[in-house]
């Protein structure tokens, strides 16, 4: 079944995408790369932009 319209998936960084204050794992990065081919994804949380870039990689995070 197709989605009724554009889908945006928002994910928390610390404790969801990464272990708190750690860099993203290769497995999670691979999963997110596959997911973003199907839907738009974004991250939310208490971290500032630079901290998110550090944890997820600056090649995946844009403002």
PDB file of N, CA and C in Angstrom:
ATOM      1  N   UNK A   1       0.846  -1.166   0.000  1.00  0.00           N
ATOM      2  CA  UNK A   1       0.000   0.000   0.000  1.00  0.00           C
ATOM      3  C   UNK A   1       0.899   1.240   0.000  1.00  0.00           C
ATOM      4  N   UNK A   2       0.624   2.147  -0.849  1.00  0.00           N
ATOM      5  CA  UNK A   2       1.410   3.382  -0.954  1.00  0.00           C
ATOM      6  C   UNK A   2       0.979   4.377   0.119  1.00  0.00           C
ATOM      7  N   UNK A   3       1.917   5.193   0.526  1.00  0.00           N
ATOM      8  CA  UNK A   3       1.610   6.260   1.484  1.00  0.00           C
ATOM      9  C   UNK A   3       0.660   7.256   0.833  1.00  0.00           C
ATOM     10  N   UNK A   4      -0.238   7.889   1.608  1.00  0.00           N
ATOM     11  CA  UNK A   4      -1.211   8.818   1.046  1.00  0.00           C
ATOM     12  C   UNK A   4      -0.601  10.107   0.520  1.00  0.00           C
ATOM     13  N   UNK A   5       0.609  10.389   0.845  1.00  0.00           N
ATOM     14  CA  UNK A   5       1.279  11.608   0.406  1.00  0.00           C
ATOM     15  C   UNK A   5       2.715  11.574   0.866  1.00  0.00           C
ATOM     16  N   UNK A   6       3.394  12.698   0.762  1.00  0.00           N
ATOM     17  CA  UNK A   6       4.786  12.735   1.215  1.00  0.00           C
ATOM     18  C   UNK A   6       4.903  12.343   2.690  1.00  0.00           C
ATOM     19  N   UNK A   7       5.939  11.580   3.001  1.00  0.00           N
ATOM     20  CA  UNK A   7       6.161  11.108   4.367  1.00  0.00           C
ATOM     21  C   UNK A   7       7.459  11.705   4.897  1.00  0.00           C
ATOM     22  N   UNK A   8       7.429  12.177   6.134  1.00  0.00           N
ATOM     23  CA  UNK A   8       8.611  12.666   6.831  1.00  0.00           C
ATOM     24  C   UNK A   8       8.746  11.865   8.115  1.00  0.00           C
ATOM     25  N   UNK A   9       9.875  11.216   8.291  1.00  0.00           N
ATOM     26  CA  UNK A   9      10.156  10.443   9.495  1.00  0.00           C
ATOM     27  C   UNK A   9      11.164  11.220  10.333  1.00  0.00           C
ATOM     28  N   UNK A  10      10.782  11.616  11.540  1.00  0.00           N
ATOM     29  CA  UNK A  10      11.667  12.342  12.449  1.00  0.00           C
ATOM     30  C   UNK A  10      12.187  11.379  13.508  1.00  0.00           C
ATOM     31  N   UNK A  11      13.505  11.373  13.691  1.00  0.00           N
ATOM     32  CA  UNK A  11      14.149  10.462  14.628  1.00  0.00           C
ATOM     33  C   UNK A  11      15.008  11.243  15.612  1.00  0.00           C
ATOM     34  N   UNK A  12      15.041  10.783  16.847  1.00  0.00           N
ATOM     35  CA  UNK A  12      15.898  11.359  17.877  1.00  0.00           C
ATOM     36  C   UNK A  12      17.317  10.831  17.679  1.00  0.00           C
ATOM     37  N   UNK A  13      18.314  11.634  17.984  1.00  0.00           N
ATOM     38  CA  UNK A  13      19.705  11.215  17.807  1.00  0.00           C
ATOM     39  C   UNK A  13      20.153  10.371  19.001  1.00  0.00           C
ATOM     40  N   UNK A  14      20.409  10.996  20.145  1.00  0.00           N
ATOM     41  CA  UNK A  14      20.933  10.292  21.324  1.00  0.00           C
ATOM     42  C   UNK A  14      19.945   9.258  21.852  1.00  0.00           C
ATOM     43  N   UNK A  15      20.380   8.004  21.892  1.00  0.00           N
ATOM     44  CA  UNK A  15      19.558   6.934  22.438  1.00  0.00           C
ATOM     45  C   UNK A  15      18.646   6.270  21.421  1.00  0.00           C
ATOM     46  N   UNK A  16      18.542   6.824  20.219  1.00  0.00           N
ATOM     47  CA  UNK A  16      17.727   6.215  19.170  1.00  0.00           C
ATOM     48  C   UNK A  16      18.613   5.867  17.979  1.00  0.00           C
ATOM     49  N   UNK A  17      19.177   6.875  17.340  1.00  0.00           N
ATOM     50  CA  UNK A  17      20.067   6.628  16.202  1.00  0.00           C
ATOM     51  C   UNK A  17      21.478   6.274  16.649  1.00  0.00           C
ATOM     52  N   UNK A  18      21.873   6.774  17.799  1.00  0.00           N
ATOM     53  CA  UNK A  18      23.209   6.504  18.338  1.00  0.00           C
ATOM     54  C   UNK A  18      23.107   6.210  19.827  1.00  0.00           C
ATOM     55  N   UNK A  19      24.120   5.549  20.336  1.00  0.00           N
ATOM     56  CA  UNK A  19      24.280   5.474  21.780  1.00  0.00           C
ATOM     57  C   UNK A  19      24.573   6.904  22.228  1.00  0.00           C
ATOM     58  N   UNK A  20      24.058   7.341  23.373  1.00  0.00           N
ATOM     59  CA  UNK A  20      24.274   8.735  23.770  1.00  0.00           C
ATOM     60  C   UNK A  20      25.730   9.193  23.628  1.00  0.00           C
ATOM     61  N   UNK A  21      25.887  10.304  22.947  1.00  0.00           N
ATOM     62  CA  UNK A  21      27.163  10.995  22.741  1.00  0.00           C
ATOM     63  C   UNK A  21      28.189  10.180  21.958  1.00  0.00           C
ATOM     64  N   UNK A  22      27.723   9.242  21.136  1.00  0.00           N
ATOM     65  CA  UNK A  22      28.623   8.428  20.314  1.00  0.00           C
ATOM     66  C   UNK A  22      28.307   8.631  18.840  1.00  0.00           C
ATOM     67  N   UNK A  23      29.231   8.257  17.989  1.00  0.00           N
ATOM     68  CA  UNK A  23      29.014   8.353  16.548  1.00  0.00           C
ATOM     69  C   UNK A  23      28.086   7.240  16.088  1.00  0.00           C
ATOM     70  N   UNK A  24      27.418   7.472  14.985  1.00  0.00           N
ATOM     71  CA  UNK A  24      26.495   6.510  14.407  1.00  0.00           C
ATOM     72  C   UNK A  24      27.254   5.255  13.958  1.00  0.00           C
ATOM     73  N   UNK A  25      26.618   4.084  14.102  1.00  0.00           N
ATOM     74  CA  UNK A  25      27.248   2.840  13.661  1.00  0.00           C
ATOM     75  C   UNK A  25      27.088   2.683  12.154  1.00  0.00           C
ATOM     76  N   UNK A  26      27.917   1.866  11.568  1.00  0.00           N
ATOM     77  CA  UNK A  26      27.825   1.590  10.131  1.00  0.00           C
ATOM     78  C   UNK A  26      26.466   0.985   9.800  1.00  0.00           C
ATOM     79  N   UNK A  27      25.978   0.090  10.649  1.00  0.00           N
ATOM     80  CA  UNK A  27      24.689  -0.560  10.405  1.00  0.00           C
ATOM     81  C   UNK A  27      23.549   0.459  10.383  1.00  0.00           C
ATOM     82  N   UNK A  28      23.543   1.386  11.338  1.00  0.00           N
ATOM     83  CA  UNK A  28      22.491   2.401  11.371  1.00  0.00           C
ATOM     84  C   UNK A  28      22.629   3.347  10.189  1.00  0.00           C
ATOM     85  N   UNK A  29      23.858   3.706   9.850  1.00  0.00           N
ATOM     86  CA  UNK A  29      24.086   4.573   8.694  1.00  0.00           C
ATOM     87  C   UNK A  29      23.563   3.910   7.424  1.00  0.00           C
ATOM     88  N   UNK A  30      23.857   2.631   7.236  1.00  0.00           N
ATOM     89  CA  UNK A  30      23.368   1.900   6.061  1.00  0.00           C
ATOM     90  C   UNK A  30      21.844   1.885   6.029  1.00  0.00           C
ATOM     91  N   UNK A  31      21.216   1.652   7.190  1.00  0.00           N
ATOM     92  CA  UNK A  31      19.756   1.649   7.273  1.00  0.00           C
ATOM     93  C   UNK A  31      19.178   3.002   6.877  1.00  0.00           C
ATOM     94  N   UNK A  32      19.760   4.078   7.402  1.00  0.00           N
ATOM     95  CA  UNK A  32      19.262   5.417   7.081  1.00  0.00           C
ATOM     96  C   UNK A  32      19.448   5.745   5.606  1.00  0.00           C
ATOM     97  N   UNK A  33      20.535   5.289   5.008  1.00  0.00           N
ATOM     98  CA  UNK A  33      20.756   5.525   3.579  1.00  0.00           C
ATOM     99  C   UNK A  33      19.669   4.843   2.745  1.00  0.00           C
ATOM    100  N   UNK A  34      19.280   3.629   3.132  1.00  0.00           N
ATOM    101  CA  UNK A  34      18.205   2.920   2.426  1.00  0.00           C
ATOM    102  C   UNK A  34      16.859   3.601   2.665  1.00  0.00           C
ATOM    103  N   UNK A  35      16.609   4.000   3.915  1.00  0.00           N
ATOM    104  CA  UNK A  35      15.341   4.640   4.261  1.00  0.00           C
ATOM    105  C   UNK A  35      15.159   5.947   3.507  1.00  0.00           C
ATOM    106  N   UNK A  36      16.219   6.749   3.400  1.00  0.00           N
ATOM    107  CA  UNK A  36      16.085   8.061   2.751  1.00  0.00           C
ATOM    108  C   UNK A  36      15.848   7.957   1.253  1.00  0.00           C
ATOM    109  N   UNK A  37      16.036   6.774   0.680  1.00  0.00           N
ATOM    110  CA  UNK A  37      15.689   6.566  -0.723  1.00  0.00           C
ATOM    111  C   UNK A  37      14.178   6.442  -0.898  1.00  0.00           C
ATOM    112  N   UNK A  38      13.470   6.137   0.196  1.00  0.00           N
ATOM    113  CA  UNK A  38      12.024   5.925   0.142  1.00  0.00           C
ATOM    114  C   UNK A  38      11.224   7.091   0.713  1.00  0.00           C
ATOM    115  N   UNK A  39      11.727   7.698   1.794  1.00  0.00           N
ATOM    116  CA  UNK A  39      11.021   8.798   2.446  1.00  0.00           C
ATOM    117  C   UNK A  39      12.024   9.851   2.903  1.00  0.00           C
ATOM    118  N   UNK A  40      11.525  11.009   3.243  1.00  0.00           N
ATOM    119  CA  UNK A  40      12.375  12.061   3.808  1.00  0.00           C
ATOM    120  C   UNK A  40      12.567  11.768   5.289  1.00  0.00           C
ATOM    121  N   UNK A  41      13.791  11.965   5.772  1.00  0.00           N
ATOM    122  CA  UNK A  41      14.064  11.761   7.187  1.00  0.00           C
ATOM    123  C   UNK A  41      14.686  13.015   7.781  1.00  0.00           C
ATOM    124  N   UNK A  42      14.468  13.200   9.059  1.00  0.00           N
ATOM    125  CA  UNK A  42      15.039  14.328   9.785  1.00  0.00           C
ATOM    126  C   UNK A  42      15.352  13.898  11.201  1.00  0.00           C
ATOM    127  N   UNK A  43      16.156  14.691  11.871  1.00  0.00           N
ATOM    128  CA  UNK A  43      16.508  14.378  13.254  1.00  0.00           C
ATOM    129  C   UNK A  43      16.058  15.505  14.173  1.00  0.00           C
ATOM    130  N   UNK A  44      15.704  15.119  15.380  1.00  0.00           N
ATOM    131  CA  UNK A  44      15.285  16.067  16.404  1.00  0.00           C
ATOM    132  C   UNK A  44      16.018  15.726  17.696  1.00  0.00           C
ATOM    133  N   UNK A  45      16.048  16.665  18.611  1.00  0.00           N
ATOM    134  CA  UNK A  45      16.650  16.390  19.910  1.00  0.00           C
ATOM    135  C   UNK A  45      17.206  17.642  20.541  1.00  0.00           C
ATOM    136  N   UNK A  46      17.873  17.443  21.647  1.00  0.00           N
ATOM    137  CA  UNK A  46      18.399  18.558  22.425  1.00  0.00           C
ATOM    138  C   UNK A  46      19.773  19.003  21.961  1.00  0.00           C
ATOM    139  N   UNK A  47      20.405  18.259  21.057  1.00  0.00           N
ATOM    140  CA  UNK A  47      21.757  18.582  20.600  1.00  0.00           C
ATOM    141  C   UNK A  47      21.761  19.807  19.702  1.00  0.00           C
ATOM    142  N   UNK A  48      22.867  20.541  19.721  1.00  0.00           N
ATOM    143  CA  UNK A  48      22.982  21.638  18.766  1.00  0.00           C
ATOM    144  C   UNK A  48      23.469  21.077  17.426  1.00  0.00           C
ATOM    145  N   UNK A  49      23.406  21.906  16.409  1.00  0.00           N
ATOM    146  CA  UNK A  49      23.692  21.468  15.042  1.00  0.00           C
ATOM    147  C   UNK A  49      25.072  20.821  14.919  1.00  0.00           C
ATOM    148  N   UNK A  50      26.089  21.412  15.532  1.00  0.00           N
ATOM    149  CA  UNK A  50      27.451  20.884  15.440  1.00  0.00           C
ATOM    150  C   UNK A  50      27.559  19.503  16.080  1.00  0.00           C
ATOM    151  N   UNK A  51      26.861  19.286  17.188  1.00  0.00           N
ATOM    152  CA  UNK A  51      26.885  17.976  17.849  1.00  0.00           C
ATOM    153  C   UNK A  51      26.215  16.915  16.981  1.00  0.00           C
ATOM    154  N   UNK A  52      25.118  17.272  16.330  1.00  0.00           N
ATOM    155  CA  UNK A  52      24.446  16.331  15.431  1.00  0.00           C
ATOM    156  C   UNK A  52      25.373  15.986  14.271  1.00  0.00           C
ATOM    157  N   UNK A  53      26.031  16.974  13.693  1.00  0.00           N
ATOM    158  CA  UNK A  53      26.980  16.720  12.607  1.00  0.00           C
ATOM    159  C   UNK A  53      28.092  15.790  13.060  1.00  0.00           C
ATOM    160  N   UNK A  54      28.590  15.999  14.266  1.00  0.00           N
ATOM    161  CA  UNK A  54      29.673  15.164  14.783  1.00  0.00           C
ATOM    162  C   UNK A  54      29.227  13.715  14.945  1.00  0.00           C
ATOM    163  N   UNK A  55      28.014  13.499  15.447  1.00  0.00           N
ATOM    164  CA  UNK A  55      27.531  12.148  15.695  1.00  0.00           C
ATOM    165  C   UNK A  55      27.077  11.437  14.427  1.00  0.00           C
ATOM    166  N   UNK A  56      26.442  12.147  13.511  1.00  0.00           N
ATOM    167  CA  UNK A  56      25.895  11.504  12.318  1.00  0.00           C
ATOM    168  C   UNK A  56      26.788  11.649  11.100  1.00  0.00           C
ATOM    169  N   UNK A  57      27.749  12.556  11.161  1.00  0.00           N
ATOM    170  CA  UNK A  57      28.628  12.781  10.020  1.00  0.00           C
ATOM    171  C   UNK A  57      28.163  13.986   9.232  1.00  0.00           C
ATOM    172  N   UNK A  58      29.067  14.897   8.981  1.00  0.00           N
ATOM    173  CA  UNK A  58      28.692  16.144   8.312  1.00  0.00           C
ATOM    174  C   UNK A  58      28.235  15.929   6.879  1.00  0.00           C
ATOM    175  N   UNK A  59      28.567  14.790   6.274  1.00  0.00           N
ATOM    176  CA  UNK A  59      28.113  14.529   4.911  1.00  0.00           C
ATOM    177  C   UNK A  59      26.637  14.150   4.859  1.00  0.00           C
ATOM    178  N   UNK A  60      26.007  13.892   6.024  1.00  0.00           N
ATOM    179  CA  UNK A  60      24.588  13.520   6.072  1.00  0.00           C
ATOM    180  C   UNK A  60      23.711  14.589   6.705  1.00  0.00           C
ATOM    181  N   UNK A  61      24.310  15.650   7.250  1.00  0.00           N
ATOM    182  CA  UNK A  61      23.542  16.643   8.004  1.00  0.00           C
ATOM    183  C   UNK A  61      23.680  18.002   7.347  1.00  0.00           C
ATOM    184  N   UNK A  62      22.527  18.590   7.009  1.00  0.00           N
ATOM    185  CA  UNK A  62      22.505  19.926   6.402  1.00  0.00           C
ATOM    186  C   UNK A  62      21.542  20.792   7.173  1.00  0.00           C
ATOM    187  N   UNK A  63      21.766  22.095   7.132  1.00  0.00           N
ATOM    188  CA  UNK A  63      20.833  23.009   7.791  1.00  0.00           C
ATOM    189  C   UNK A  63      19.902  23.609   6.766  1.00  0.00           C
TER     190      UNK A  63
END
